[in-house]
Amino acid sequence: MQGLIPLFAAVFGFLISLILGYPLIPMLRKLKFGQTIRDIGPAWHKSKEGTPTMGGVIIIAGVVISMVLSFMVSSFTGSGLINESSNSMKMTFLFSGIGLALGMGMIGFLDDYIKVVKKRNLGLTARQKTFLQLFVSAAYLTSLALGGMTTTWFPFIGDINVMHSFGLLFWPIALLFIFGFTNAVNLTDGIDGLASSVTMVVCCGFMLAAGLLDFAGINTLAAATAGACIGFLIWNAHPAKVFMGDTGSLFLGGTVVALAFGIGRPILLIFAGIIYLIEAFSVILQVAYYKRTKKRLFKMSPLHHHFELSDWGEEKIVIVFSFVTLIGCILALLPIVLRW
């Protein structure tokens, strides 16, 4: 039964996200919570104007309710999650990780609310968003330190003590790592179904990793998130009936970071989250190249827009980016499988 708990979590996440779409999407449309398409994007995106946004609440509800139901099933069967409840470090990883994801999701919700309800298209200012994200990230890392985290893992080296000497550099680097990856996931949310598809693959990768390393809680969280992403994709696949908004993309960003830290191997997110990195670096390179040459390196950034303007359909971009993510997840799993 222990191995079935993540399966239950995935099914719960999928069904809840799918079912919630029926009442919530019409509600968002009725409240006029529609997406405003900025003029700097591809011209044909203007046809998406008015599509309900803030649909990330569907994903969040799917994950949270799924985790609650999974705990209930685990308690009833006496297996899986409930057996891990006596391990304070693993519980810290799990609940602090959920807190990180929810905190980032709340920042995204506030940003979406200002954009949609207050009609300020840019939402929170860059300074406000940066401060809030760094605060949530710092609170998460503090909870890990207070919860007993003393090491982190590197391939071919093993566990490194992060409480002494040069190991202390881990904490500021980790702060920037969390901030960067969370926003990289946000940048990936630019066409129908992209962020949810890529993140679903990433979560499946970490679900396998957590299972191999015996992290039942993280295993279940990854499964619940993967299931919720699939359920949301029913509504978000091209042509999208709802967008996740920053509410969903920042929540998913916090979640994938929590999964990586939750198995004690954050560095593996560099491989599993390769598409997030590529998307983020495409923006950085575009800006730097333009400032230097007054020319564009890509037709548009983030990179998915470059491929759009190169006549790739949205479905093709989603499939190719998801496949690249799958390759990245396989590379991330190799050190675990081969015990490097």
C-alpha atoms as a PDB file:
ATOM      1  CA  MET A   1       0.000   0.000   0.000  1.00  0.00           C
ATOM      2  CA  GLN A   2       2.929   2.364   0.721  1.00  0.00           C
ATOM      3  CA  GLY A   3       3.811   2.575  -2.969  1.00  0.00           C
ATOM      4  CA  LEU A   4       0.203   3.354  -3.859  1.00  0.00           C
ATOM      5  CA  ILE A   5      -0.034   6.565  -1.809  1.00  0.00           C
ATOM      6  CA  PRO A   6       1.730   8.682  -4.495  1.00  0.00           C
ATOM      7  CA  LEU A   7      -0.567   7.113  -7.100  1.00  0.00           C
ATOM      8  CA  PHE A   8      -3.582   8.140  -5.016  1.00  0.00           C
ATOM      9  CA  ALA A   9      -2.092  11.631  -4.680  1.00  0.00           C
ATOM     10  CA  ALA A  10      -1.651  11.939  -8.448  1.00  0.00           C
ATOM     11  CA  VAL A  11      -5.219  10.759  -9.114  1.00  0.00           C
ATOM     12  CA  PHE A  12      -6.612  13.082  -6.422  1.00  0.00           C
ATOM     13  CA  GLY A  13      -4.644  16.032  -7.825  1.00  0.00           C
ATOM     14  CA  PHE A  14      -5.817  15.303 -11.362  1.00  0.00           C
ATOM     15  CA  LEU A  15      -9.499  14.862 -10.491  1.00  0.00           C
ATOM     16  CA  ILE A  16      -9.661  17.893  -8.192  1.00  0.00           C
ATOM     17  CA  SER A  17      -8.030  20.194 -10.748  1.00  0.00           C
ATOM     18  CA  LEU A  18     -10.213  18.847 -13.523  1.00  0.00           C
ATOM     19  CA  ILE A  19     -13.456  19.126 -11.558  1.00  0.00           C
ATOM     20  CA  LEU A  20     -12.689  22.560 -10.094  1.00  0.00           C
ATOM     21  CA  GLY A  21     -12.276  23.941 -13.597  1.00  0.00           C
ATOM     22  CA  TYR A  22     -16.000  23.555 -14.273  1.00  0.00           C
ATOM     23  CA  PRO A  23     -17.214  26.070 -11.649  1.00  0.00           C
ATOM     24  CA  LEU A  24     -14.100  28.250 -11.307  1.00  0.00           C
ATOM     25  CA  ILE A  25     -13.452  29.138 -14.947  1.00  0.00           C
ATOM     26  CA  PRO A  26     -16.992  30.498 -15.538  1.00  0.00           C
ATOM     27  CA  MET A  27     -16.687  32.310 -12.197  1.00  0.00           C
ATOM     28  CA  LEU A  28     -13.427  33.961 -13.237  1.00  0.00           C
ATOM     29  CA  ARG A  29     -15.031  34.933 -16.537  1.00  0.00           C
ATOM     30  CA  LYS A  30     -18.073  36.359 -14.756  1.00  0.00           C
ATOM     31  CA  LEU A  31     -15.835  38.387 -12.434  1.00  0.00           C
ATOM     32  CA  LYS A  32     -14.055  39.663 -15.559  1.00  0.00           C
ATOM     33  CA  PHE A  33     -10.716  38.314 -14.354  1.00  0.00           C
ATOM     34  CA  GLY A  34      -9.465  38.279 -17.934  1.00  0.00           C
ATOM     35  CA  GLN A  35      -5.870  38.404 -19.142  1.00  0.00           C
ATOM     36  CA  THR A  36      -4.617  41.661 -20.648  1.00  0.00           C
ATOM     37  CA  ILE A  37      -2.192  40.962 -23.490  1.00  0.00           C
ATOM     38  CA  ARG A  38       0.723  43.381 -23.664  1.00  0.00           C
ATOM     39  CA  ASP A  39       1.604  44.885 -27.041  1.00  0.00           C
ATOM     40  CA  ILE A  40       5.226  43.686 -26.843  1.00  0.00           C
ATOM     41  CA  GLY A  41       4.162  40.040 -27.316  1.00  0.00           C
ATOM     42  CA  PRO A  42       3.415  38.241 -30.603  1.00  0.00           C
ATOM     43  CA  ALA A  43       0.594  40.039 -32.419  1.00  0.00           C
ATOM     44  CA  TRP A  44      -1.630  36.952 -32.612  1.00  0.00           C
ATOM     45  CA  HIS A  45      -1.668  36.691 -28.816  1.00  0.00           C
ATOM     46  CA  LYS A  46      -4.105  39.620 -28.859  1.00  0.00           C
ATOM     47  CA  SER A  47      -6.817  37.088 -29.736  1.00  0.00           C
ATOM     48  CA  LYS A  48      -6.315  35.623 -26.242  1.00  0.00           C
ATOM     49  CA  GLU A  49      -7.251  38.884 -24.559  1.00  0.00           C
ATOM     50  CA  GLY A  50      -9.998  38.356 -21.998  1.00  0.00           C
ATOM     51  CA  THR A  51      -9.215  34.675 -21.393  1.00  0.00           C
ATOM     52  CA  PRO A  52      -9.696  34.116 -17.628  1.00  0.00           C
ATOM     53  CA  THR A  53      -6.474  34.222 -15.626  1.00  0.00           C
ATOM     54  CA  MET A  54      -5.561  33.458 -11.993  1.00  0.00           C
ATOM     55  CA  GLY A  55      -6.412  29.855 -12.832  1.00  0.00           C
ATOM     56  CA  GLY A  56      -3.422  28.849 -10.729  1.00  0.00           C
ATOM     57  CA  VAL A  57      -5.854  28.602  -7.808  1.00  0.00           C
ATOM     58  CA  ILE A  58      -7.057  25.399  -9.491  1.00  0.00           C
ATOM     59  CA  ILE A  59      -3.561  23.899  -9.309  1.00  0.00           C
ATOM     60  CA  ILE A  60      -3.024  25.069  -5.731  1.00  0.00           C
ATOM     61  CA  ALA A  61      -6.333  23.612  -4.595  1.00  0.00           C
ATOM     62  CA  GLY A  62      -5.585  20.367  -6.422  1.00  0.00           C
ATOM     63  CA  VAL A  63      -2.213  19.974  -4.696  1.00  0.00           C
ATOM     64  CA  VAL A  64      -3.316  21.015  -1.194  1.00  0.00           C
ATOM     65  CA  ILE A  65      -6.507  18.945  -1.140  1.00  0.00           C
ATOM     66  CA  SER A  66      -4.676  15.997  -2.654  1.00  0.00           C
ATOM     67  CA  MET A  67      -2.035  16.132   0.094  1.00  0.00           C
ATOM     68  CA  VAL A  68      -4.717  16.261   2.793  1.00  0.00           C
ATOM     69  CA  LEU A  69      -6.534  13.277   1.291  1.00  0.00           C
ATOM     70  CA  SER A  70      -3.245  11.393   0.900  1.00  0.00           C
ATOM     71  CA  PHE A  71      -2.448  11.921   4.580  1.00  0.00           C
ATOM     72  CA  MET A  72      -5.904  10.599   5.443  1.00  0.00           C
ATOM     73  CA  VAL A  73      -5.431   7.493   3.287  1.00  0.00           C
ATOM     74  CA  SER A  74      -1.951   6.990   4.721  1.00  0.00           C
ATOM     75  CA  SER A  75      -3.289   7.254   8.286  1.00  0.00           C
ATOM     76  CA  PHE A  76      -6.044   4.781   7.531  1.00  0.00           C
ATOM     77  CA  THR A  77      -3.688   2.240   5.956  1.00  0.00           C
ATOM     78  CA  GLY A  78      -0.788   2.860   8.336  1.00  0.00           C
ATOM     79  CA  SER A  79       1.695   3.225   5.471  1.00  0.00           C
ATOM     80  CA  GLY A  80       3.551   5.781   3.387  1.00  0.00           C
ATOM     81  CA  LEU A  81       3.366   9.333   4.685  1.00  0.00           C
ATOM     82  CA  ILE A  82       2.253   8.415   8.183  1.00  0.00           C
ATOM     83  CA  ASN A  83       5.357   6.259   8.701  1.00  0.00           C
ATOM     84  CA  GLU A  84       7.552   9.252   7.933  1.00  0.00           C
ATOM     85  CA  SER A  85       5.789  11.546  10.420  1.00  0.00           C
ATOM     86  CA  SER A  86       8.259  10.588  13.170  1.00  0.00           C
ATOM     87  CA  ASN A  87      11.180  11.847  11.070  1.00  0.00           C
ATOM     88  CA  SER A  88      11.343  15.539  11.947  1.00  0.00           C
ATOM     89  CA  MET A  89      13.848  16.418   9.222  1.00  0.00           C
ATOM     90  CA  LYS A  90      11.765  14.877   6.447  1.00  0.00           C
ATOM     91  CA  MET A  91       8.609  16.511   7.812  1.00  0.00           C
ATOM     92  CA  THR A  92      10.430  19.853   7.875  1.00  0.00           C
ATOM     93  CA  PHE A  93      11.419  19.401   4.234  1.00  0.00           C
ATOM     94  CA  LEU A  94       7.803  18.572   3.330  1.00  0.00           C
ATOM     95  CA  PHE A  95       5.849  21.192   5.257  1.00  0.00           C
ATOM     96  CA  SER A  96       8.391  23.975   4.766  1.00  0.00           C
ATOM     97  CA  GLY A  97       8.353  23.133   1.063  1.00  0.00           C
ATOM     98  CA  ILE A  98       4.571  23.381   0.930  1.00  0.00           C
ATOM     99  CA  GLY A  99       4.870  26.689   2.797  1.00  0.00           C
ATOM    100  CA  LEU A 100       7.404  27.953   0.248  1.00  0.00           C
ATOM    101  CA  ALA A 101       5.107  27.033  -2.643  1.00  0.00           C
ATOM    102  CA  LEU A 102       2.067  28.641  -0.996  1.00  0.00           C
ATOM    103  CA  GLY A 103       4.050  31.757  -0.114  1.00  0.00           C
ATOM    104  CA  MET A 104       5.185  32.185  -3.710  1.00  0.00           C
ATOM    105  CA  GLY A 105       1.642  31.459  -4.882  1.00  0.00           C
ATOM    106  CA  MET A 106       0.294  34.205  -2.615  1.00  0.00           C
ATOM    107  CA  ILE A 107       2.785  36.689  -4.105  1.00  0.00           C
ATOM    108  CA  GLY A 108       1.594  35.639  -7.558  1.00  0.00           C
ATOM    109  CA  PHE A 109      -2.040  35.993  -6.500  1.00  0.00           C
ATOM    110  CA  LEU A 110      -1.388  39.516  -5.213  1.00  0.00           C
ATOM    111  CA  ASP A 111       0.372  40.386  -8.465  1.00  0.00           C
ATOM    112  CA  ASP A 112      -2.511  38.999 -10.549  1.00  0.00           C
ATOM    113  CA  TYR A 113      -5.080  40.760  -8.374  1.00  0.00           C
ATOM    114  CA  ILE A 114      -3.422  44.125  -8.929  1.00  0.00           C
ATOM    115  CA  LYS A 115      -3.217  43.490 -12.676  1.00  0.00           C
ATOM    116  CA  VAL A 116      -6.751  42.231 -13.137  1.00  0.00           C
ATOM    117  CA  VAL A 117      -8.845  43.958 -10.473  1.00  0.00           C
ATOM    118  CA  LYS A 118      -6.882  47.175  -9.987  1.00  0.00           C
ATOM    119  CA  LYS A 119      -6.199  47.363 -13.760  1.00  0.00           C
ATOM    120  CA  ARG A 120      -2.455  47.956 -13.296  1.00  0.00           C
ATOM    121  CA  ASN A 121      -1.078  45.811 -16.098  1.00  0.00           C
ATOM    122  CA  LEU A 122       2.397  45.405 -14.597  1.00  0.00           C
ATOM    123  CA  GLY A 123       1.070  44.307 -11.186  1.00  0.00           C
ATOM    124  CA  LEU A 124       3.530  44.531  -8.304  1.00  0.00           C
ATOM    125  CA  THR A 125       6.618  46.609  -8.943  1.00  0.00           C
ATOM    126  CA  ALA A 126       9.854  44.718  -9.538  1.00  0.00           C
ATOM    127  CA  ARG A 127      11.177  45.918  -6.189  1.00  0.00           C
ATOM    128  CA  GLN A 128       8.064  44.797  -4.318  1.00  0.00           C
ATOM    129  CA  LYS A 129       8.036  41.376  -5.941  1.00  0.00           C
ATOM    130  CA  THR A 130      11.762  40.868  -5.393  1.00  0.00           C
ATOM    131  CA  PHE A 131      11.525  41.785  -1.716  1.00  0.00           C
ATOM    132  CA  LEU A 132       8.570  39.475  -1.093  1.00  0.00           C
ATOM    133  CA  GLN A 133      10.146  36.553  -2.947  1.00  0.00           C
ATOM    134  CA  LEU A 134      13.469  36.933  -1.144  1.00  0.00           C
ATOM    135  CA  PHE A 135      11.635  37.165   2.179  1.00  0.00           C
ATOM    136  CA  VAL A 136       9.708  33.943   1.533  1.00  0.00           C
ATOM    137  CA  SER A 137      12.878  32.227   0.288  1.00  0.00           C
ATOM    138  CA  ALA A 138      14.836  33.326   3.365  1.00  0.00           C
ATOM    139  CA  ALA A 139      12.032  32.129   5.658  1.00  0.00           C
ATOM    140  CA  TYR A 140      12.110  28.737   3.924  1.00  0.00           C
ATOM    141  CA  LEU A 141      15.878  28.370   4.283  1.00  0.00           C
ATOM    142  CA  THR A 142      15.668  29.467   7.926  1.00  0.00           C
ATOM    143  CA  SER A 143      13.117  26.747   8.604  1.00  0.00           C
ATOM    144  CA  LEU A 144      15.452  24.164   7.037  1.00  0.00           C
ATOM    145  CA  ALA A 145      18.390  25.341   9.137  1.00  0.00           C
ATOM    146  CA  LEU A 146      16.332  25.345  12.342  1.00  0.00           C
ATOM    147  CA  GLY A 147      14.878  21.973  11.385  1.00  0.00           C
ATOM    148  CA  GLY A 148      18.306  20.378  11.365  1.00  0.00           C
ATOM    149  CA  MET A 149      19.587  20.592   7.786  1.00  0.00           C
ATOM    150  CA  THR A 150      23.370  20.431   7.980  1.00  0.00           C
ATOM    151  CA  THR A 151      24.437  18.992   4.613  1.00  0.00           C
ATOM    152  CA  THR A 152      23.759  19.211   0.904  1.00  0.00           C
ATOM    153  CA  TRP A 153      24.767  16.754  -1.789  1.00  0.00           C
ATOM    154  CA  PHE A 154      26.978  17.164  -4.869  1.00  0.00           C
ATOM    155  CA  PRO A 155      27.674  14.552  -7.563  1.00  0.00           C
ATOM    156  CA  PHE A 156      30.965  12.649  -7.155  1.00  0.00           C
ATOM    157  CA  ILE A 157      31.598  14.460  -3.845  1.00  0.00           C
ATOM    158  CA  GLY A 158      28.712  13.419  -1.645  1.00  0.00           C
ATOM    159  CA  ASP A 159      27.377  15.323   1.355  1.00  0.00           C
ATOM    160  CA  ILE A 160      28.950  18.687   2.162  1.00  0.00           C
ATOM    161  CA  ASN A 161      28.552  20.295   5.576  1.00  0.00           C
ATOM    162  CA  VAL A 162      26.805  23.661   5.146  1.00  0.00           C
ATOM    163  CA  MET A 163      27.250  24.792   8.740  1.00  0.00           C
ATOM    164  CA  HIS A 164      31.020  25.302   8.801  1.00  0.00           C
ATOM    165  CA  SER A 165      33.749  27.085   6.858  1.00  0.00           C
ATOM    166  CA  PHE A 166      33.150  27.467   3.121  1.00  0.00           C
ATOM    167  CA  GLY A 167      29.970  25.404   3.437  1.00  0.00           C
ATOM    168  CA  LEU A 168      28.254  28.488   4.844  1.00  0.00           C
ATOM    169  CA  LEU A 169      28.313  29.934   1.312  1.00  0.00           C
ATOM    170  CA  PHE A 170      25.546  27.461   0.547  1.00  0.00           C
ATOM    171  CA  TRP A 171      22.919  29.631   2.213  1.00  0.00           C
ATOM    172  CA  PRO A 172      23.294  32.872   0.183  1.00  0.00           C
ATOM    173  CA  ILE A 173      23.749  30.812  -2.978  1.00  0.00           C
ATOM    174  CA  ALA A 174      20.618  28.825  -2.108  1.00  0.00           C
ATOM    175  CA  LEU A 175      18.698  32.073  -1.586  1.00  0.00           C
ATOM    176  CA  LEU A 176      19.564  33.266  -5.093  1.00  0.00           C
ATOM    177  CA  PHE A 177      18.947  29.755  -6.457  1.00  0.00           C
ATOM    178  CA  ILE A 178      15.380  29.711  -5.094  1.00  0.00           C
ATOM    179  CA  PHE A 179      14.677  33.250  -6.278  1.00  0.00           C
ATOM    180  CA  GLY A 180      16.100  32.554  -9.729  1.00  0.00           C
ATOM    181  CA  PHE A 181      14.361  29.264 -10.381  1.00  0.00           C
ATOM    182  CA  THR A 182      10.998  30.492  -9.120  1.00  0.00           C
ATOM    183  CA  ASN A 183      11.112  33.379 -11.572  1.00  0.00           C
ATOM    184  CA  ALA A 184      12.429  31.135 -14.343  1.00  0.00           C
ATOM    185  CA  VAL A 185       9.292  28.995 -14.029  1.00  0.00           C
ATOM    186  CA  ASN A 186       7.272  32.204 -14.220  1.00  0.00           C
ATOM    187  CA  LEU A 187       9.029  33.130 -17.484  1.00  0.00           C
ATOM    188  CA  THR A 188       8.217  29.696 -18.916  1.00  0.00           C
ATOM    189  CA  ASP A 189       4.504  30.452 -18.585  1.00  0.00           C
ATOM    190  CA  GLY A 190       4.078  32.256 -21.887  1.00  0.00           C
ATOM    191  CA  ILE A 191       2.086  30.005 -24.218  1.00  0.00           C
ATOM    192  CA  ASP A 192      -0.812  27.609 -23.753  1.00  0.00           C
ATOM    193  CA  GLY A 193       0.114  24.535 -21.733  1.00  0.00           C
ATOM    194  CA  LEU A 194       3.876  25.146 -21.621  1.00  0.00           C
ATOM    195  CA  ALA A 195       4.579  25.735 -17.923  1.00  0.00           C
ATOM    196  CA  SER A 196       2.118  23.089 -16.774  1.00  0.00           C
ATOM    197  CA  SER A 197       3.485  20.480 -19.228  1.00  0.00           C
ATOM    198  CA  VAL A 198       7.150  21.106 -18.434  1.00  0.00           C
ATOM    199  CA  THR A 199       6.467  21.186 -14.687  1.00  0.00           C
ATOM    200  CA  MET A 200       4.478  17.966 -14.882  1.00  0.00           C
ATOM    201  CA  VAL A 201       7.541  16.234 -16.367  1.00  0.00           C
ATOM    202  CA  VAL A 202       9.830  17.793 -13.735  1.00  0.00           C
ATOM    203  CA  CYS A 203       7.518  16.598 -10.953  1.00  0.00           C
ATOM    204  CA  CYS A 204       7.487  13.065 -12.385  1.00  0.00           C
ATOM    205  CA  GLY A 205      11.285  13.128 -12.351  1.00  0.00           C
ATOM    206  CA  PHE A 206      11.421  14.196  -8.715  1.00  0.00           C
ATOM    207  CA  MET A 207       8.705  11.704  -7.833  1.00  0.00           C
ATOM    208  CA  LEU A 208      11.010   8.920  -9.058  1.00  0.00           C
ATOM    209  CA  ALA A 209      14.016  10.470  -7.308  1.00  0.00           C
ATOM    210  CA  ALA A 210      12.161  10.781  -4.005  1.00  0.00           C
ATOM    211  CA  GLY A 211      10.949   7.213  -4.305  1.00  0.00           C
ATOM    212  CA  LEU A 212      14.473   5.905  -4.884  1.00  0.00           C
ATOM    213  CA  LEU A 213      15.795   7.926  -1.929  1.00  0.00           C
ATOM    214  CA  ASP A 214      12.875   6.985   0.362  1.00  0.00           C
ATOM    215  CA  PHE A 215      11.341  10.438   0.845  1.00  0.00           C
ATOM    216  CA  ALA A 216       7.670   9.478   1.072  1.00  0.00           C
ATOM    217  CA  GLY A 217       6.404  13.008   1.705  1.00  0.00           C
ATOM    218  CA  ILE A 218       8.277  14.604  -1.191  1.00  0.00           C
ATOM    219  CA  ASN A 219       7.313  11.635  -3.346  1.00  0.00           C
ATOM    220  CA  THR A 220       3.655  12.305  -2.590  1.00  0.00           C
ATOM    221  CA  LEU A 221       3.954  16.078  -3.094  1.00  0.00           C
ATOM    222  CA  ALA A 222       5.602  15.559  -6.492  1.00  0.00           C
ATOM    223  CA  ALA A 223       2.853  13.109  -7.510  1.00  0.00           C
ATOM    224  CA  ALA A 224       0.081  15.443  -6.339  1.00  0.00           C
ATOM    225  CA  THR A 225       1.586  18.357  -8.283  1.00  0.00           C
ATOM    226  CA  ALA A 226       2.066  16.263 -11.424  1.00  0.00           C
ATOM    227  CA  GLY A 227      -1.564  15.133 -11.230  1.00  0.00           C
ATOM    228  CA  ALA A 228      -2.807  18.693 -10.651  1.00  0.00           C
ATOM    229  CA  CYS A 229      -0.801  19.903 -13.667  1.00  0.00           C
ATOM    230  CA  ILE A 230      -2.371  17.234 -15.872  1.00  0.00           C
ATOM    231  CA  GLY A 231      -5.845  18.165 -14.643  1.00  0.00           C
ATOM    232  CA  PHE A 232      -5.135  21.840 -15.288  1.00  0.00           C
ATOM    233  CA  LEU A 233      -3.814  21.013 -18.765  1.00  0.00           C
ATOM    234  CA  ILE A 234      -7.308  19.885 -19.750  1.00  0.00           C
ATOM    235  CA  TRP A 235      -8.275  23.544 -19.433  1.00  0.00           C
ATOM    236  CA  ASN A 236      -4.933  25.157 -20.318  1.00  0.00           C
ATOM    237  CA  ALA A 237      -3.896  23.226 -23.444  1.00  0.00           C
ATOM    238  CA  HIS A 238      -4.124  25.144 -26.719  1.00  0.00           C
ATOM    239  CA  PRO A 239      -6.485  26.875 -27.195  1.00  0.00           C
ATOM    240  CA  ALA A 240      -6.466  27.703 -23.491  1.00  0.00           C
ATOM    241  CA  LYS A 241      -9.732  28.254 -21.670  1.00  0.00           C
ATOM    242  CA  VAL A 242      -7.867  29.638 -18.654  1.00  0.00           C
ATOM    243  CA  PHE A 243      -4.369  30.885 -17.820  1.00  0.00           C
ATOM    244  CA  MET A 244      -2.601  30.047 -14.552  1.00  0.00           C
ATOM    245  CA  GLY A 245      -1.274  33.587 -14.122  1.00  0.00           C
ATOM    246  CA  ASP A 246       1.515  34.397 -11.688  1.00  0.00           C
ATOM    247  CA  THR A 247      -0.641  32.685  -9.061  1.00  0.00           C
ATOM    248  CA  GLY A 248       0.080  29.335 -10.655  1.00  0.00           C
ATOM    249  CA  SER A 249       3.535  29.870 -12.136  1.00  0.00           C
ATOM    250  CA  LEU A 250       5.078  31.176  -8.904  1.00  0.00           C
ATOM    251  CA  PHE A 251       3.385  28.389  -6.937  1.00  0.00           C
ATOM    252  CA  LEU A 252       4.841  25.816  -9.325  1.00  0.00           C
ATOM    253  CA  GLY A 253       8.213  27.542  -9.135  1.00  0.00           C
ATOM    254  CA  GLY A 254       8.182  27.273  -5.354  1.00  0.00           C
ATOM    255  CA  THR A 255       7.077  23.661  -5.602  1.00  0.00           C
ATOM    256  CA  VAL A 256       9.843  22.427  -7.917  1.00  0.00           C
ATOM    257  CA  VAL A 257      12.442  24.160  -5.736  1.00  0.00           C
ATOM    258  CA  ALA A 258      10.903  22.518  -2.648  1.00  0.00           C
ATOM    259  CA  LEU A 259      11.081  19.105  -4.339  1.00  0.00           C
ATOM    260  CA  ALA A 260      14.779  19.551  -5.155  1.00  0.00           C
ATOM    261  CA  PHE A 261      15.679  20.737  -1.654  1.00  0.00           C
ATOM    262  CA  GLY A 262      13.314  18.181  -0.141  1.00  0.00           C
ATOM    263  CA  ILE A 263      15.408  15.248  -1.336  1.00  0.00           C
ATOM    264  CA  GLY A 264      18.606  17.007  -0.250  1.00  0.00           C
ATOM    265  CA  ARG A 265      19.803  17.467  -3.832  1.00  0.00           C
ATOM    266  CA  PRO A 266      18.912  20.981  -5.054  1.00  0.00           C
ATOM    267  CA  ILE A 267      21.677  20.865  -7.662  1.00  0.00           C
ATOM    268  CA  LEU A 268      19.684  18.271  -9.622  1.00  0.00           C
ATOM    269  CA  LEU A 269      17.146  20.974 -10.508  1.00  0.00           C
ATOM    270  CA  ILE A 270      19.782  22.407 -12.862  1.00  0.00           C
ATOM    271  CA  PHE A 271      19.276  19.301 -15.020  1.00  0.00           C
ATOM    272  CA  ALA A 272      15.587  18.568 -14.436  1.00  0.00           C
ATOM    273  CA  GLY A 273      14.728  22.261 -14.827  1.00  0.00           C
ATOM    274  CA  ILE A 274      16.904  22.821 -17.886  1.00  0.00           C
ATOM    275  CA  ILE A 275      14.053  24.464 -19.812  1.00  0.00           C
ATOM    276  CA  TYR A 276      13.491  26.942 -16.983  1.00  0.00           C
ATOM    277  CA  LEU A 277      17.185  27.853 -17.132  1.00  0.00           C
ATOM    278  CA  ILE A 278      17.174  28.200 -20.916  1.00  0.00           C
ATOM    279  CA  GLU A 279      14.109  30.448 -20.801  1.00  0.00           C
ATOM    280  CA  ALA A 280      15.633  32.667 -18.111  1.00  0.00           C
ATOM    281  CA  PHE A 281      19.037  32.917 -19.792  1.00  0.00           C
ATOM    282  CA  SER A 282      17.417  33.741 -23.133  1.00  0.00           C
ATOM    283  CA  VAL A 283      15.981  36.864 -21.512  1.00  0.00           C
ATOM    284  CA  ILE A 284      19.301  37.791 -19.882  1.00  0.00           C
ATOM    285  CA  LEU A 285      21.229  37.260 -23.128  1.00  0.00           C
ATOM    286  CA  GLN A 286      18.662  39.201 -25.146  1.00  0.00           C
ATOM    287  CA  VAL A 287      18.884  42.218 -22.866  1.00  0.00           C
ATOM    288  CA  ALA A 288      22.691  42.131 -22.620  1.00  0.00           C
ATOM    289  CA  TYR A 289      23.163  41.660 -26.368  1.00  0.00           C
ATOM    290  CA  TYR A 290      20.747  44.469 -27.213  1.00  0.00           C
ATOM    291  CA  LYS A 291      22.417  46.895 -24.804  1.00  0.00           C
ATOM    292  CA  ARG A 292      25.774  46.163 -26.406  1.00  0.00           C
ATOM    293  CA  THR A 293      24.839  46.026 -30.089  1.00  0.00           C
ATOM    294  CA  LYS A 294      21.341  47.555 -30.341  1.00  0.00           C
ATOM    295  CA  LYS A 295      20.391  44.350 -32.156  1.00  0.00           C
ATOM    296  CA  ARG A 296      18.337  41.356 -31.043  1.00  0.00           C
ATOM    297  CA  LEU A 297      19.958  37.984 -30.480  1.00  0.00           C
ATOM    298  CA  PHE A 298      16.556  36.245 -30.620  1.00  0.00           C
ATOM    299  CA  LYS A 299      13.457  37.317 -32.500  1.00  0.00           C
ATOM    300  CA  MET A 300      11.808  37.662 -29.085  1.00  0.00           C
ATOM    301  CA  SER A 301      12.468  36.407 -25.583  1.00  0.00           C
ATOM    302  CA  PRO A 302      11.795  34.287 -23.595  1.00  0.00           C
ATOM    303  CA  LEU A 303      12.908  31.615 -26.041  1.00  0.00           C
ATOM    304  CA  HIS A 304       9.462  30.105 -26.658  1.00  0.00           C
ATOM    305  CA  HIS A 305       8.449  33.375 -28.337  1.00  0.00           C
ATOM    306  CA  HIS A 306      11.471  33.114 -30.636  1.00  0.00           C
ATOM    307  CA  PHE A 307      10.209  29.738 -31.833  1.00  0.00           C
ATOM    308  CA  GLU A 308       6.688  31.119 -32.189  1.00  0.00           C
ATOM    309  CA  LEU A 309       8.017  33.824 -34.498  1.00  0.00           C
ATOM    310  CA  SER A 310       9.925  31.095 -36.355  1.00  0.00           C
ATOM    311  CA  ASP A 311       6.561  29.557 -37.291  1.00  0.00           C
ATOM    312  CA  TRP A 312       6.491  26.837 -34.643  1.00  0.00           C
ATOM    313  CA  GLY A 313       2.981  26.131 -33.413  1.00  0.00           C
ATOM    314  CA  GLU A 314       2.294  26.307 -29.688  1.00  0.00           C
ATOM    315  CA  GLU A 315       1.643  22.562 -29.516  1.00  0.00           C
ATOM    316  CA  LYS A 316       5.011  21.813 -31.151  1.00  0.00           C
ATOM    317  CA  ILE A 317       6.857  24.068 -28.710  1.00  0.00           C
ATOM    318  CA  VAL A 318       5.166  22.373 -25.754  1.00  0.00           C
ATOM    319  CA  ILE A 319       6.054  18.898 -27.043  1.00  0.00           C
ATOM    320  CA  VAL A 320       9.697  19.739 -27.827  1.00  0.00           C
ATOM    321  CA  PHE A 321      10.283  21.618 -24.552  1.00  0.00           C
ATOM    322  CA  SER A 322       8.672  18.781 -22.591  1.00  0.00           C
ATOM    323  CA  PHE A 323      10.900  16.241 -24.359  1.00  0.00           C
ATOM    324  CA  VAL A 324      14.009  18.285 -23.540  1.00  0.00           C
ATOM    325  CA  THR A 325      12.805  18.376 -19.928  1.00  0.00           C
ATOM    326  CA  LEU A 326      12.418  14.592 -19.986  1.00  0.00           C
ATOM    327  CA  ILE A 327      16.053  14.241 -21.093  1.00  0.00           C
ATOM    328  CA  GLY A 328      17.082  16.615 -18.303  1.00  0.00           C
ATOM    329  CA  CYS A 329      15.170  14.559 -15.741  1.00  0.00           C
ATOM    330  CA  ILE A 330      16.878  11.376 -16.922  1.00  0.00           C
ATOM    331  CA  LEU A 331      20.268  13.074 -16.456  1.00  0.00           C
ATOM    332  CA  ALA A 332      19.184  14.225 -12.988  1.00  0.00           C
ATOM    333  CA  LEU A 333      18.227  10.670 -12.035  1.00  0.00           C
ATOM    334  CA  LEU A 334      21.511   9.117 -13.209  1.00  0.00           C
ATOM    335  CA  PRO A 335      23.566  10.115 -10.138  1.00  0.00           C
ATOM    336  CA  ILE A 336      20.898   8.604  -7.891  1.00  0.00           C
ATOM    337  CA  VAL A 337      20.518   5.379  -9.848  1.00  0.00           C
ATOM    338  CA  LEU A 338      24.282   4.950 -10.276  1.00  0.00           C
ATOM    339  CA  ARG A 339      24.998   6.175  -6.719  1.00  0.00           C
ATOM    340  CA  TRP A 340      27.594   8.718  -7.781  1.00  0.00           C
END
